Amino acid sequence: MTPTEHPVAPTTPDLLNQDDVMRAIIRSLNRKEKQIILMYYRDGLTMKQIGAVMSLTESRVCQIHSNVIKKLQVHLAGTEKMLKM
């Protein structure tokens, strides 16, 4: 093996099947959180549009979205930590 042919160790994202991780994360969300995440990321609605659909203010949708993102970061950090064990 030449110096340029060193095998590359897989990174944490390479070890995880993204679909499985996303399914697990989405299962951890409540109904309102799921709806907001799906409408925003899958359907491409704005926070204002989501608010109109769900009878919430744009500000409240933004708050819920931010809380979900924080929750996901904690969940992913825990998953990464478990993989390093």
C-alpha atoms as a PDB file:
ATOM      1  CA  MET A   1       0.000   0.000   0.000  1.00  0.00           C
ATOM      2  CA  THR A   2       1.399   3.398  -0.927  1.00  0.00           C
ATOM      3  CA  PRO A   3       1.179   6.371   1.454  1.00  0.00           C
ATOM      4  CA  THR A   4      -1.697   7.800  -0.585  1.00  0.00           C
ATOM      5  CA  GLU A   5      -3.749   4.596  -0.264  1.00  0.00           C
ATOM      6  CA  HIS A   6      -4.441   4.731   3.468  1.00  0.00           C
ATOM      7  CA  PRO A   7      -7.871   3.362   4.272  1.00  0.00           C
ATOM      8  CA  VAL A   8     -10.219   5.996   5.605  1.00  0.00           C
ATOM      9  CA  ALA A   9     -12.050   5.224   8.826  1.00  0.00           C
ATOM     10  CA  PRO A  10     -15.789   5.727   8.491  1.00  0.00           C
ATOM     11  CA  THR A  11     -17.197   8.797  10.182  1.00  0.00           C
ATOM     12  CA  THR A  12     -20.240   8.661  12.427  1.00  0.00           C
ATOM     13  CA  PRO A  13     -22.666   9.748   9.671  1.00  0.00           C
ATOM     14  CA  ASP A  14     -21.289   6.976   7.466  1.00  0.00           C
ATOM     15  CA  LEU A  15     -22.147   4.439  10.168  1.00  0.00           C
ATOM     16  CA  LEU A  16     -25.738   5.555  10.454  1.00  0.00           C
ATOM     17  CA  ASN A  17     -28.472   4.906   7.987  1.00  0.00           C
ATOM     18  CA  GLN A  18     -29.988   8.374   7.668  1.00  0.00           C
ATOM     19  CA  ASP A  19     -33.487   7.059   7.020  1.00  0.00           C
ATOM     20  CA  ASP A  20     -33.433   4.945  10.194  1.00  0.00           C
ATOM     21  CA  VAL A  21     -32.143   7.839  12.261  1.00  0.00           C
ATOM     22  CA  MET A  22     -34.762  10.221  10.885  1.00  0.00           C
ATOM     23  CA  ARG A  23     -37.564   7.723  11.541  1.00  0.00           C
ATOM     24  CA  ALA A  24     -36.412   7.293  15.147  1.00  0.00           C
ATOM     25  CA  ILE A  25     -36.185  11.032  15.650  1.00  0.00           C
ATOM     26  CA  ILE A  26     -39.591  11.714  14.121  1.00  0.00           C
ATOM     27  CA  ARG A  27     -41.145   9.044  16.368  1.00  0.00           C
ATOM     28  CA  SER A  28     -39.858  10.990  19.372  1.00  0.00           C
ATOM     29  CA  LEU A  29     -41.789  14.126  18.356  1.00  0.00           C
ATOM     30  CA  ASN A  30     -45.338  14.939  19.379  1.00  0.00           C
ATOM     31  CA  ARG A  31     -48.063  15.356  16.758  1.00  0.00           C
ATOM     32  CA  LYS A  32     -47.764  19.136  16.421  1.00  0.00           C
ATOM     33  CA  GLU A  33     -43.961  18.971  16.156  1.00  0.00           C
ATOM     34  CA  LYS A  34     -44.169  16.275  13.476  1.00  0.00           C
ATOM     35  CA  GLN A  35     -46.667  18.281  11.461  1.00  0.00           C
ATOM     36  CA  ILE A  36     -44.499  21.395  11.560  1.00  0.00           C
ATOM     37  CA  ILE A  37     -41.311  19.552  10.593  1.00  0.00           C
ATOM     38  CA  LEU A  38     -43.001  17.667   7.762  1.00  0.00           C
ATOM     39  CA  MET A  39     -44.762  20.737   6.375  1.00  0.00           C
ATOM     40  CA  TYR A  40     -41.574  22.783   6.548  1.00  0.00           C
ATOM     41  CA  TYR A  41     -39.034  20.285   5.215  1.00  0.00           C
ATOM     42  CA  ARG A  42     -41.111  17.876   3.127  1.00  0.00           C
ATOM     43  CA  ASP A  43     -43.784  20.196   1.790  1.00  0.00           C
ATOM     44  CA  GLY A  44     -41.710  23.402   1.627  1.00  0.00           C
ATOM     45  CA  LEU A  45     -44.236  25.597   3.441  1.00  0.00           C
ATOM     46  CA  THR A  46     -43.095  28.771   5.152  1.00  0.00           C
ATOM     47  CA  MET A  47     -43.571  29.257   8.879  1.00  0.00           C
ATOM     48  CA  LYS A  48     -46.321  31.758   8.104  1.00  0.00           C
ATOM     49  CA  GLN A  49     -48.132  29.222   5.886  1.00  0.00           C
ATOM     50  CA  ILE A  50     -47.772  26.502   8.526  1.00  0.00           C
ATOM     51  CA  GLY A  51     -49.201  28.883  11.108  1.00  0.00           C
ATOM     52  CA  ALA A  52     -52.221  29.540   8.926  1.00  0.00           C
ATOM     53  CA  VAL A  53     -52.828  25.801   8.410  1.00  0.00           C
ATOM     54  CA  MET A  54     -52.448  25.002  12.116  1.00  0.00           C
ATOM     55  CA  SER A  55     -54.102  28.162  13.514  1.00  0.00           C
ATOM     56  CA  LEU A  56     -50.851  29.261  15.149  1.00  0.00           C
ATOM     57  CA  THR A  57     -48.885  32.469  14.857  1.00  0.00           C
ATOM     58  CA  GLU A  58     -45.771  32.470  12.706  1.00  0.00           C
ATOM     59  CA  SER A  59     -43.816  33.229  15.884  1.00  0.00           C
ATOM     60  CA  ARG A  60     -45.211  30.154  17.663  1.00  0.00           C
ATOM     61  CA  VAL A  61     -44.377  27.912  14.685  1.00  0.00           C
ATOM     62  CA  CYS A  62     -40.834  29.306  14.760  1.00  0.00           C
ATOM     63  CA  GLN A  63     -40.569  28.586  18.509  1.00  0.00           C
ATOM     64  CA  ILE A  64     -41.772  25.003  18.087  1.00  0.00           C
ATOM     65  CA  HIS A  65     -39.417  24.487  15.135  1.00  0.00           C
ATOM     66  CA  SER A  66     -36.465  25.815  17.174  1.00  0.00           C
ATOM     67  CA  ASN A  67     -37.336  23.543  20.095  1.00  0.00           C
ATOM     68  CA  VAL A  68     -37.521  20.539  17.768  1.00  0.00           C
ATOM     69  CA  ILE A  69     -34.114  21.376  16.282  1.00  0.00           C
ATOM     70  CA  LYS A  70     -32.613  21.567  19.776  1.00  0.00           C
ATOM     71  CA  LYS A  71     -34.251  18.250  20.674  1.00  0.00           C
ATOM     72  CA  LEU A  72     -32.846  16.665  17.510  1.00  0.00           C
ATOM     73  CA  GLN A  73     -29.352  17.945  18.249  1.00  0.00           C
ATOM     74  CA  VAL A  74     -29.471  16.379  21.718  1.00  0.00           C
ATOM     75  CA  HIS A  75     -30.797  13.117  20.255  1.00  0.00           C
ATOM     76  CA  LEU A  76     -28.092  13.011  17.583  1.00  0.00           C
ATOM     77  CA  ALA A  77     -25.358  13.839  20.090  1.00  0.00           C
ATOM     78  CA  GLY A  78     -26.539  10.934  22.247  1.00  0.00           C
ATOM     79  CA  THR A  79     -26.539   8.614  19.238  1.00  0.00           C
ATOM     80  CA  GLU A  80     -23.019   9.689  18.303  1.00  0.00           C
ATOM     81  CA  LYS A  81     -21.816   9.172  21.866  1.00  0.00           C
ATOM     82  CA  MET A  82     -23.282   5.636  21.924  1.00  0.00           C
ATOM     83  CA  LEU A  83     -21.505   4.774  18.669  1.00  0.00           C
ATOM     84  CA  LYS A  84     -18.140   5.811  20.094  1.00  0.00           C
ATOM     85  CA  MET A  85     -18.463   3.327  22.960  1.00  0.00           C
END
